[in-house]
Amino acid sequence: GHCKKLAPEYEKAAQELSKHDPPIVLAKVDANDDKNKP
């Protein structure tokens, strides 16, 4: 639930920070996916 609340704020921040010089990159990883658990 907290991830869902963060998602739109994180996306808004990423759009704003992509305009920064130099750009600041925000990324995400689905850590619940078996592939990404390591």
PDB file of all heavy atoms in Angstrom:
ATOM      1  N   GLY A   1       0.797  -1.217   0.000  1.00  0.00           N
ATOM      2  CA  GLY A   1       0.000   0.000   0.000  1.00  0.00           C
ATOM      3  C   GLY A   1       0.829   1.267   0.000  1.00  0.00           C
ATOM      4  O   GLY A   1       0.508   2.239  -0.697  1.00  0.00           O
ATOM      5  N   HIS A   2       1.918   1.288   0.767  1.00  0.00           N
ATOM      6  CA  HIS A   2       2.771   2.476   0.816  1.00  0.00           C
ATOM      7  C   HIS A   2       3.473   2.708  -0.528  1.00  0.00           C
ATOM      8  O   HIS A   2       3.719   3.856  -0.912  1.00  0.00           O
ATOM      9  CB  HIS A   2       3.793   2.343   1.947  1.00  0.00           C
ATOM     10  CG  HIS A   2       3.176   2.327   3.301  1.00  0.00           C
ATOM     11  ND1 HIS A   2       2.499   3.396   3.836  1.00  0.00           N
ATOM     12  CD2 HIS A   2       3.101   1.351   4.245  1.00  0.00           C
ATOM     13  CE1 HIS A   2       2.048   3.089   5.035  1.00  0.00           C
ATOM     14  NE2 HIS A   2       2.400   1.853   5.309  1.00  0.00           N
ATOM     15  N   CYS A   3       3.783   1.617  -1.232  1.00  0.00           N
ATOM     16  CA  CYS A   3       4.383   1.750  -2.562  1.00  0.00           C
ATOM     17  C   CYS A   3       3.388   2.391  -3.530  1.00  0.00           C
ATOM     18  O   CYS A   3       3.759   3.235  -4.365  1.00  0.00           O
ATOM     19  CB  CYS A   3       4.816   0.381  -3.097  1.00  0.00           C
ATOM     20  SG  CYS A   3       5.985  -0.508  -2.042  1.00  0.00           S
ATOM     21  N   LYS A   4       2.131   1.983  -3.418  1.00  0.00           N
ATOM     22  CA  LYS A   4       1.100   2.550  -4.303  1.00  0.00           C
ATOM     23  C   LYS A   4       0.910   4.039  -4.027  1.00  0.00           C
ATOM     24  O   LYS A   4       0.677   4.831  -4.947  1.00  0.00           O
ATOM     25  CB  LYS A   4      -0.216   1.801  -4.090  1.00  0.00           C
ATOM     26  CG  LYS A   4      -0.179   0.353  -4.565  1.00  0.00           C
ATOM     27  CD  LYS A   4      -1.470  -0.381  -4.222  1.00  0.00           C
ATOM     28  CE  LYS A   4      -1.403  -1.841  -4.645  1.00  0.00           C
ATOM     29  NZ  LYS A   4      -2.629  -2.591  -4.263  1.00  0.00           N
ATOM     30  N   LYS A   5       1.001   4.426  -2.746  1.00  0.00           N
ATOM     31  CA  LYS A   5       0.880   5.852  -2.413  1.00  0.00           C
ATOM     32  C   LYS A   5       2.058   6.650  -2.929  1.00  0.00           C
ATOM     33  O   LYS A   5       1.926   7.804  -3.349  1.00  0.00           O
ATOM     34  CB  LYS A   5       0.769   6.021  -0.896  1.00  0.00           C
ATOM     35  CG  LYS A   5      -0.525   5.509  -0.303  1.00  0.00           C
ATOM     36  CD  LYS A   5      -0.540   5.674   1.211  1.00  0.00           C
ATOM     37  CE  LYS A   5      -1.825   5.127   1.822  1.00  0.00           C
ATOM     38  NZ  LYS A   5      -1.835   5.264   3.297  1.00  0.00           N
ATOM     39  N   LEU A   6       3.238   6.038  -2.902  1.00  0.00           N
ATOM     40  CA  LEU A   6       4.442   6.728  -3.342  1.00  0.00           C
ATOM     41  C   LEU A   6       4.502   6.881  -4.861  1.00  0.00           C
ATOM     42  O   LEU A   6       5.057   7.860  -5.368  1.00  0.00           O
ATOM     43  CB  LEU A   6       5.681   5.962  -2.853  1.00  0.00           C
ATOM     44  CG  LEU A   6       7.052   6.471  -3.316  1.00  0.00           C
ATOM     45  CD1 LEU A   6       7.297   7.897  -2.800  1.00  0.00           C
ATOM     46  CD2 LEU A   6       8.157   5.533  -2.834  1.00  0.00           C
ATOM     47  N   ALA A   7       3.928   5.936  -5.601  1.00  0.00           N
ATOM     48  CA  ALA A   7       4.113   5.859  -7.055  1.00  0.00           C
ATOM     49  C   ALA A   7       3.857   7.166  -7.802  1.00  0.00           C
ATOM     50  O   ALA A   7       4.720   7.621  -8.569  1.00  0.00           O
ATOM     51  CB  ALA A   7       3.261   4.729  -7.628  1.00  0.00           C
ATOM     52  N   PRO A   8       2.694   7.839  -7.639  1.00  0.00           N
ATOM     53  CA  PRO A   8       2.475   9.083  -8.397  1.00  0.00           C
ATOM     54  C   PRO A   8       3.422  10.208  -7.986  1.00  0.00           C
ATOM     55  O   PRO A   8       3.814  11.028  -8.824  1.00  0.00           O
ATOM     56  CB  PRO A   8       1.018   9.432  -8.095  1.00  0.00           C
ATOM     57  CG  PRO A   8       0.700   8.727  -6.824  1.00  0.00           C
ATOM     58  CD  PRO A   8       1.510   7.475  -6.849  1.00  0.00           C
ATOM     59  N   GLU A   9       3.802  10.253  -6.706  1.00  0.00           N
ATOM     60  CA  GLU A   9       4.736  11.283  -6.246  1.00  0.00           C
ATOM     61  C   GLU A   9       6.130  11.029  -6.821  1.00  0.00           C
ATOM     62  O   GLU A   9       6.831  11.963  -7.220  1.00  0.00           O
ATOM     63  CB  GLU A   9       4.783  11.292  -4.714  1.00  0.00           C
ATOM     64  CG  GLU A   9       3.460  11.612  -4.047  1.00  0.00           C
ATOM     65  CD  GLU A   9       2.961  13.011  -4.398  1.00  0.00           C
ATOM     66  OE1 GLU A   9       3.787  13.953  -4.364  1.00  0.00           O
ATOM     67  OE2 GLU A   9       1.774  13.156  -4.713  1.00  0.00           O
ATOM     68  N   TYR A  10       6.510   9.783  -6.842  1.00  0.00           N
ATOM     69  CA  TYR A  10       7.823   9.391  -7.381  1.00  0.00           C
ATOM     70  C   TYR A  10       7.897   9.712  -8.869  1.00  0.00           C
ATOM     71  O   TYR A  10       8.908  10.216  -9.364  1.00  0.00           O
ATOM     72  CB  TYR A  10       8.011   7.898  -7.127  1.00  0.00           C
ATOM     73  CG  TYR A  10       9.435   7.389  -7.235  1.00  0.00           C
ATOM     74  CD1 TYR A  10      10.450   7.903  -6.436  1.00  0.00           C
ATOM     75  CD2 TYR A  10       9.751   6.352  -8.107  1.00  0.00           C
ATOM     76  CE1 TYR A  10      11.745   7.415  -6.512  1.00  0.00           C
ATOM     77  CE2 TYR A  10      11.043   5.844  -8.195  1.00  0.00           C
ATOM     78  CZ  TYR A  10      12.038   6.379  -7.391  1.00  0.00           C
ATOM     79  OH  TYR A  10      13.314   5.878  -7.475  1.00  0.00           O
ATOM     80  N   GLU A  11       6.807   9.459  -9.578  1.00  0.00           N
ATOM     81  CA  GLU A  11       6.763   9.760 -11.019  1.00  0.00           C
ATOM     82  C   GLU A  11       6.824  11.268 -11.264  1.00  0.00           C
ATOM     83  O   GLU A  11       7.557  11.745 -12.150  1.00  0.00           O
ATOM     84  CB  GLU A  11       5.501   9.162 -11.635  1.00  0.00           C
ATOM     85  CG  GLU A  11       5.278   9.530 -13.103  1.00  0.00           C
ATOM     86  CD  GLU A  11       6.365   9.010 -14.031  1.00  0.00           C
ATOM     87  OE1 GLU A  11       7.009   7.988 -13.713  1.00  0.00           O
ATOM     88  OE2 GLU A  11       6.581   9.640 -15.085  1.00  0.00           O
ATOM     89  N   LYS A  12       6.075  12.040 -10.478  1.00  0.00           N
ATOM     90  CA  LYS A  12       6.120  13.502 -10.623  1.00  0.00           C
ATOM     91  C   LYS A  12       7.532  14.024 -10.372  1.00  0.00           C
ATOM     92  O   LYS A  12       8.037  14.891 -11.110  1.00  0.00           O
ATOM     93  CB  LYS A  12       5.146  14.164  -9.640  1.00  0.00           C
ATOM     94  CG  LYS A  12       3.700  14.183 -10.087  1.00  0.00           C
ATOM     95  CD  LYS A  12       2.830  14.878  -9.059  1.00  0.00           C
ATOM     96  CE  LYS A  12       3.188  16.343  -8.915  1.00  0.00           C
ATOM     97  NZ  LYS A  12       2.329  17.046  -7.931  1.00  0.00           N
ATOM     98  N   ALA A  13       8.168  13.516  -9.339  1.00  0.00           N
ATOM     99  CA  ALA A  13       9.537  13.931  -9.020  1.00  0.00           C
ATOM    100  C   ALA A  13      10.490  13.560 -10.148  1.00  0.00           C
ATOM    101  O   ALA A  13      11.374  14.341 -10.518  1.00  0.00           O
ATOM    102  CB  ALA A  13       9.985  13.299  -7.707  1.00  0.00           C
ATOM    103  N   ALA A  14      10.312  12.363 -10.706  1.00  0.00           N
ATOM    104  CA  ALA A  14      11.184  11.914 -11.794  1.00  0.00           C
ATOM    105  C   ALA A  14      11.059  12.824 -13.012  1.00  0.00           C
ATOM    106  O   ALA A  14      12.055  13.153 -13.672  1.00  0.00           O
ATOM    107  CB  ALA A  14      10.842  10.475 -12.176  1.00  0.00           C
ATOM    108  N   GLN A  15       9.841  13.243 -13.322  1.00  0.00           N
ATOM    109  CA  GLN A  15       9.651  14.139 -14.462  1.00  0.00           C
ATOM    110  C   GLN A  15      10.336  15.479 -14.215  1.00  0.00           C
ATOM    111  O   GLN A  15      10.970  16.046 -15.120  1.00  0.00           O
ATOM    112  CB  GLN A  15       8.159  14.332 -14.714  1.00  0.00           C
ATOM    113  CG  GLN A  15       7.477  13.061 -15.200  1.00  0.00           C
ATOM    114  CD  GLN A  15       6.158  13.334 -15.888  1.00  0.00           C
ATOM    115  OE1 GLN A  15       5.889  14.444 -16.345  1.00  0.00           O
ATOM    116  NE2 GLN A  15       5.329  12.312 -15.991  1.00  0.00           N
ATOM    117  N   GLU A  16      10.210  15.989 -12.996  1.00  0.00           N
ATOM    118  CA  GLU A  16      10.842  17.272 -12.679  1.00  0.00           C
ATOM    119  C   GLU A  16      12.364  17.149 -12.683  1.00  0.00           C
ATOM    120  O   GLU A  16      13.074  18.011 -13.223  1.00  0.00           O
ATOM    121  CB  GLU A  16      10.352  17.753 -11.308  1.00  0.00           C
ATOM    122  CG  GLU A  16      10.941  19.069 -10.844  1.00  0.00           C
ATOM    123  CD  GLU A  16      10.528  20.248 -11.705  1.00  0.00           C
ATOM    124  OE1 GLU A  16       9.439  20.177 -12.328  1.00  0.00           O
ATOM    125  OE2 GLU A  16      11.290  21.237 -11.771  1.00  0.00           O
ATOM    126  N   LEU A  17      12.888  16.077 -12.108  1.00  0.00           N
ATOM    127  CA  LEU A  17      14.334  15.907 -11.999  1.00  0.00           C
ATOM    128  C   LEU A  17      14.991  15.550 -13.332  1.00  0.00           C
ATOM    129  O   LEU A  17      16.194  15.725 -13.492  1.00  0.00           O
ATOM    130  CB  LEU A  17      14.650  14.833 -10.955  1.00  0.00           C
ATOM    131  CG  LEU A  17      14.319  15.227  -9.506  1.00  0.00           C
ATOM    132  CD1 LEU A  17      14.406  14.034  -8.583  1.00  0.00           C
ATOM    133  CD2 LEU A  17      15.254  16.335  -9.022  1.00  0.00           C
ATOM    134  N   SER A  18      14.201  15.073 -14.285  1.00  0.00           N
ATOM    135  CA  SER A  18      14.758  14.791 -15.611  1.00  0.00           C
ATOM    136  C   SER A  18      15.165  16.073 -16.328  1.00  0.00           C
ATOM    137  O   SER A  18      15.978  16.050 -17.262  1.00  0.00           O
ATOM    138  CB  SER A  18      13.741  14.019 -16.456  1.00  0.00           C
ATOM    139  OG  SER A  18      12.619  14.834 -16.766  1.00  0.00           O
ATOM    140  N   LYS A  19      14.629  17.214 -15.868  1.00  0.00           N
ATOM    141  CA  LYS A  19      14.960  18.517 -16.460  1.00  0.00           C
ATOM    142  C   LYS A  19      16.162  19.163 -15.787  1.00  0.00           C
ATOM    143  O   LYS A  19      16.654  20.202 -16.244  1.00  0.00           O
ATOM    144  CB  LYS A  19      13.753  19.466 -16.343  1.00  0.00           C
ATOM    145  CG  LYS A  19      12.461  18.912 -16.922  1.00  0.00           C
ATOM    146  CD  LYS A  19      11.277  19.790 -16.531  1.00  0.00           C
ATOM    147  CE  LYS A  19       9.956  19.156 -16.907  1.00  0.00           C
ATOM    148  NZ  LYS A  19       8.800  19.963 -16.416  1.00  0.00           N
ATOM    149  N   HIS A  20      16.617  18.554 -14.691  1.00  0.00           N
ATOM    150  CA  HIS A  20      17.738  19.122 -13.953  1.00  0.00           C
ATOM    151  C   HIS A  20      19.021  18.959 -14.746  1.00  0.00           C
ATOM    152  O   HIS A  20      19.174  18.035 -15.546  1.00  0.00           O
ATOM    153  CB  HIS A  20      17.865  18.419 -12.597  1.00  0.00           C
ATOM    154  CG  HIS A  20      18.869  19.045 -11.678  1.00  0.00           C
ATOM    155  ND1 HIS A  20      20.185  18.656 -11.628  1.00  0.00           N
ATOM    156  CD2 HIS A  20      18.734  20.038 -10.766  1.00  0.00           C
ATOM    157  CE1 HIS A  20      20.826  19.374 -10.721  1.00  0.00           C
ATOM    158  NE2 HIS A  20      19.961  20.223 -10.180  1.00  0.00           N
ATOM    159  N   ASP A  21      19.974  19.864 -14.546  1.00  0.00           N
ATOM    160  CA  ASP A  21      21.271  19.779 -15.224  1.00  0.00           C
ATOM    161  C   ASP A  21      22.360  19.528 -14.183  1.00  0.00           C
ATOM    162  O   ASP A  21      22.683  20.411 -13.394  1.00  0.00           O
ATOM    163  CB  ASP A  21      21.562  21.085 -15.983  1.00  0.00           C
ATOM    164  CG  ASP A  21      22.834  20.994 -16.816  1.00  0.00           C
ATOM    165  OD1 ASP A  21      23.281  19.844 -17.075  1.00  0.00           O
ATOM    166  OD2 ASP A  21      23.364  22.051 -17.208  1.00  0.00           O
ATOM    167  N   PRO A  22      22.935  18.315 -14.125  1.00  0.00           N
ATOM    168  CA  PRO A  22      22.610  17.163 -14.974  1.00  0.00           C
ATOM    169  C   PRO A  22      21.324  16.481 -14.515  1.00  0.00           C
ATOM    170  O   PRO A  22      20.916  16.653 -13.363  1.00  0.00           O
ATOM    171  CB  PRO A  22      23.821  16.248 -14.761  1.00  0.00           C
ATOM    172  CG  PRO A  22      24.243  16.545 -13.360  1.00  0.00           C
ATOM    173  CD  PRO A  22      24.015  18.013 -13.167  1.00  0.00           C
ATOM    174  N   PRO A  23      20.690  15.683 -15.388  1.00  0.00           N
ATOM    175  CA  PRO A  23      19.459  14.998 -14.996  1.00  0.00           C
ATOM    176  C   PRO A  23      19.693  14.064 -13.804  1.00  0.00           C
ATOM    177  O   PRO A  23      20.753  13.448 -13.684  1.00  0.00           O
ATOM    178  CB  PRO A  23      19.083  14.198 -16.255  1.00  0.00           C
ATOM    179  CG  PRO A  23      19.788  14.892 -17.368  1.00  0.00           C
ATOM    180  CD  PRO A  23      21.059  15.411 -16.785  1.00  0.00           C
ATOM    181  N   ILE A  24      18.693  14.002 -12.940  1.00  0.00           N
ATOM    182  CA  ILE A  24      18.739  13.070 -11.816  1.00  0.00           C
ATOM    183  C   ILE A  24      17.776  11.932 -12.144  1.00  0.00           C
ATOM    184  O   ILE A  24      16.584  12.162 -12.367  1.00  0.00           O
ATOM    185  CB  ILE A  24      18.341  13.757 -10.503  1.00  0.00           C
ATOM    186  CG1 ILE A  24      19.329  14.885 -10.189  1.00  0.00           C
ATOM    187  CG2 ILE A  24      18.280  12.756  -9.355  1.00  0.00           C
ATOM    188  CD1 ILE A  24      18.963  15.702  -8.964  1.00  0.00           C
ATOM    189  N   VAL A  25      18.288  10.721 -12.184  1.00  0.00           N
ATOM    190  CA  VAL A  25      17.521   9.569 -12.650  1.00  0.00           C
ATOM    191  C   VAL A  25      16.860   8.851 -11.472  1.00  0.00           C
ATOM    192  O   VAL A  25      17.522   8.519 -10.488  1.00  0.00           O
ATOM    193  CB  VAL A  25      18.434   8.583 -13.417  1.00  0.00           C
ATOM    194  CG1 VAL A  25      17.636   7.362 -13.863  1.00  0.00           C
ATOM    195  CG2 VAL A  25      19.066   9.286 -14.616  1.00  0.00           C
ATOM    196  N   LEU A  26      15.559   8.609 -11.591  1.00  0.00           N
ATOM    197  CA  LEU A  26      14.827   7.799 -10.631  1.00  0.00           C
ATOM    198  C   LEU A  26      14.422   6.494 -11.317  1.00  0.00           C
ATOM    199  O   LEU A  26      13.991   6.502 -12.469  1.00  0.00           O
ATOM    200  CB  LEU A  26      13.568   8.513 -10.126  1.00  0.00           C
ATOM    201  CG  LEU A  26      13.727   9.889  -9.481  1.00  0.00           C
ATOM    202  CD1 LEU A  26      12.427  10.309  -8.798  1.00  0.00           C
ATOM    203  CD2 LEU A  26      14.858   9.901  -8.476  1.00  0.00           C
ATOM    204  N   ALA A  27      14.566   5.391 -10.616  1.00  0.00           N
ATOM    205  CA  ALA A  27      14.252   4.081 -11.174  1.00  0.00           C
ATOM    206  C   ALA A  27      13.507   3.247 -10.146  1.00  0.00           C
ATOM    207  O   ALA A  27      13.414   3.608  -8.967  1.00  0.00           O
ATOM    208  CB  ALA A  27      15.535   3.372 -11.614  1.00  0.00           C
ATOM    209  N   LYS A  28      12.984   2.104 -10.587  1.00  0.00           N
ATOM    210  CA  LYS A  28      12.252   1.219  -9.679  1.00  0.00           C
ATOM    211  C   LYS A  28      12.507  -0.233 -10.058  1.00  0.00           C
ATOM    212  O   LYS A  28      12.767  -0.568 -11.213  1.00  0.00           O
ATOM    213  CB  LYS A  28      10.755   1.518  -9.719  1.00  0.00           C
ATOM    214  CG  LYS A  28      10.109   1.298 -11.088  1.00  0.00           C
ATOM    215  CD  LYS A  28       8.628   1.672 -11.076  1.00  0.00           C
ATOM    216  CE  LYS A  28       8.009   1.449 -12.453  1.00  0.00           C
ATOM    217  NZ  LYS A  28       6.575   1.850 -12.490  1.00  0.00           N
ATOM    218  N   VAL A  29      12.430  -1.092  -9.032  1.00  0.00           N
ATOM    219  CA  VAL A  29      12.607  -2.527  -9.213  1.00  0.00           C
ATOM    220  C   VAL A  29      11.496  -3.239  -8.450  1.00  0.00           C
ATOM    221  O   VAL A  29      11.276  -2.961  -7.265  1.00  0.00           O
ATOM    222  CB  VAL A  29      13.982  -3.003  -8.677  1.00  0.00           C
ATOM    223  CG1 VAL A  29      14.056  -4.529  -8.687  1.00  0.00           C
ATOM    224  CG2 VAL A  29      15.112  -2.416  -9.497  1.00  0.00           C
ATOM    225  N   ASP A  30      10.799  -4.146  -9.134  1.00  0.00           N
ATOM    226  CA  ASP A  30       9.800  -4.972  -8.459  1.00  0.00           C
ATOM    227  C   ASP A  30      10.537  -6.065  -7.694  1.00  0.00           C
ATOM    228  O   ASP A  30      10.882  -7.110  -8.229  1.00  0.00           O
ATOM    229  CB  ASP A  30       8.845  -5.585  -9.488  1.00  0.00           C
ATOM    230  CG  ASP A  30       7.785  -6.488  -8.854  1.00  0.00           C
ATOM    231  OD1 ASP A  30       7.845  -6.670  -7.615  1.00  0.00           O
ATOM    232  OD2 ASP A  30       6.918  -7.009  -9.585  1.00  0.00           O
ATOM    233  N   ALA A  31      10.776  -5.817  -6.416  1.00  0.00           N
ATOM    234  CA  ALA A  31      11.563  -6.748  -5.596  1.00  0.00           C
ATOM    235  C   ALA A  31      10.757  -7.957  -5.169  1.00  0.00           C
ATOM    236  O   ALA A  31      11.305  -8.886  -4.566  1.00  0.00           O
ATOM    237  CB  ALA A  31      12.119  -6.023  -4.373  1.00  0.00           C
ATOM    238  N   ASN A  32       9.454  -7.956  -5.480  1.00  0.00           N
ATOM    239  CA  ASN A  32       8.623  -9.119  -5.169  1.00  0.00           C
ATOM    240  C   ASN A  32       8.681 -10.175  -6.271  1.00  0.00           C
ATOM    241  O   ASN A  32       8.301 -11.326  -6.057  1.00  0.00           O
ATOM    242  CB  ASN A  32       7.174  -8.673  -4.959  1.00  0.00           C
ATOM    243  CG  ASN A  32       6.318  -9.739  -4.332  1.00  0.00           C
ATOM    244  OD1 ASN A  32       6.593 -10.176  -3.224  1.00  0.00           O
ATOM    245  ND2 ASN A  32       5.272 -10.169  -5.026  1.00  0.00           N
ATOM    246  N   ASP A  33       9.173  -9.762  -7.441  1.00  0.00           N
ATOM    247  CA  ASP A  33       9.337 -10.686  -8.563  1.00  0.00           C
ATOM    248  C   ASP A  33      10.451 -11.675  -8.230  1.00  0.00           C
ATOM    249  O   ASP A  33      11.535 -11.279  -7.798  1.00  0.00           O
ATOM    250  CB  ASP A  33       9.685  -9.885  -9.825  1.00  0.00           C
ATOM    251  CG  ASP A  33       9.663 -10.731 -11.085  1.00  0.00           C
ATOM    252  OD1 ASP A  33      10.061 -11.907 -11.022  1.00  0.00           O
ATOM    253  OD2 ASP A  33       9.280 -10.202 -12.144  1.00  0.00           O
ATOM    254  N   ASP A  34      10.201 -12.966  -8.422  1.00  0.00           N
ATOM    255  CA  ASP A  34      11.205 -13.981  -8.102  1.00  0.00           C
ATOM    256  C   ASP A  34      12.538 -13.697  -8.780  1.00  0.00           C
ATOM    257  O   ASP A  34      13.607 -13.920  -8.187  1.00  0.00           O
ATOM    258  CB  ASP A  34      10.709 -15.374  -8.523  1.00  0.00           C
ATOM    259  CG  ASP A  34       9.600 -15.881  -7.619  1.00  0.00           C
ATOM    260  OD1 ASP A  34       9.467 -15.349  -6.499  1.00  0.00           O
ATOM    261  OD2 ASP A  34       8.865 -16.798  -8.037  1.00  0.00           O
ATOM    262  N   LYS A  35      12.473 -13.179  -9.974  1.00  0.00           N
ATOM    263  CA  LYS A  35      13.688 -12.872 -10.736  1.00  0.00           C
ATOM    264  C   LYS A  35      14.548 -11.829 -10.038  1.00  0.00           C
ATOM    265  O   LYS A  35      15.788 -11.849 -10.131  1.00  0.00           O
ATOM    266  CB  LYS A  35      13.284 -12.377 -12.126  1.00  0.00           C
ATOM    267  CG  LYS A  35      14.412 -11.910 -13.013  1.00  0.00           C
ATOM    268  CD  LYS A  35      13.855 -11.427 -14.341  1.00  0.00           C
ATOM    269  CE  LYS A  35      14.954 -10.941 -15.268  1.00  0.00           C
ATOM    270  NZ  LYS A  35      14.415 -10.473 -16.574  1.00  0.00           N
ATOM    271  N   ASN A  36      13.883 -10.918  -9.302  1.00  0.00           N
ATOM    272  CA  ASN A  36      14.604  -9.797  -8.691  1.00  0.00           C
ATOM    273  C   ASN A  36      14.869  -9.977  -7.195  1.00  0.00           C
ATOM    274  O   ASN A  36      15.505  -9.119  -6.579  1.00  0.00           O
ATOM    275  CB  ASN A  36      13.808  -8.497  -8.902  1.00  0.00           C
ATOM    276  CG  ASN A  36      13.647  -8.158 -10.364  1.00  0.00           C
ATOM    277  OD1 ASN A  36      14.551  -8.402 -11.163  1.00  0.00           O
ATOM    278  ND2 ASN A  36      12.500  -7.615 -10.729  1.00  0.00           N
ATOM    279  N   LYS A  37      14.389 -11.060  -6.608  1.00  0.00           N
ATOM    280  CA  LYS A  37      14.588 -11.257  -5.162  1.00  0.00           C
ATOM    281  C   LYS A  37      16.059 -11.279  -4.755  1.00  0.00           C
ATOM    282  O   LYS A  37      16.411 -10.793  -3.677  1.00  0.00           O
ATOM    283  CB  LYS A  37      13.856 -12.516  -4.703  1.00  0.00           C
ATOM    284  CG  LYS A  37      12.345 -12.298  -4.612  1.00  0.00           C
ATOM    285  CD  LYS A  37      11.603 -13.519  -4.087  1.00  0.00           C
ATOM    286  CE  LYS A  37      10.117 -13.219  -3.967  1.00  0.00           C
ATOM    287  NZ  LYS A  37       9.346 -14.391  -3.498  1.00  0.00           N
ATOM    288  N   PRO A  38      16.967 -11.834  -5.605  1.00  0.00           N
ATOM    289  CA  PRO A  38      18.390 -11.744  -5.239  1.00  0.00           C
ATOM    290  C   PRO A  38      18.884 -10.301  -5.114  1.00  0.00           C
ATOM    291  O   PRO A  38      19.792 -10.021  -4.335  1.00  0.00           O
ATOM    292  CB  PRO A  38      19.091 -12.484  -6.388  1.00  0.00           C
ATOM    293  CG  PRO A  38      18.069 -13.448  -6.898  1.00  0.00           C
ATOM    294  CD  PRO A  38      16.757 -12.711  -6.780  1.00  0.00           C
TER     295      PRO A  38
END
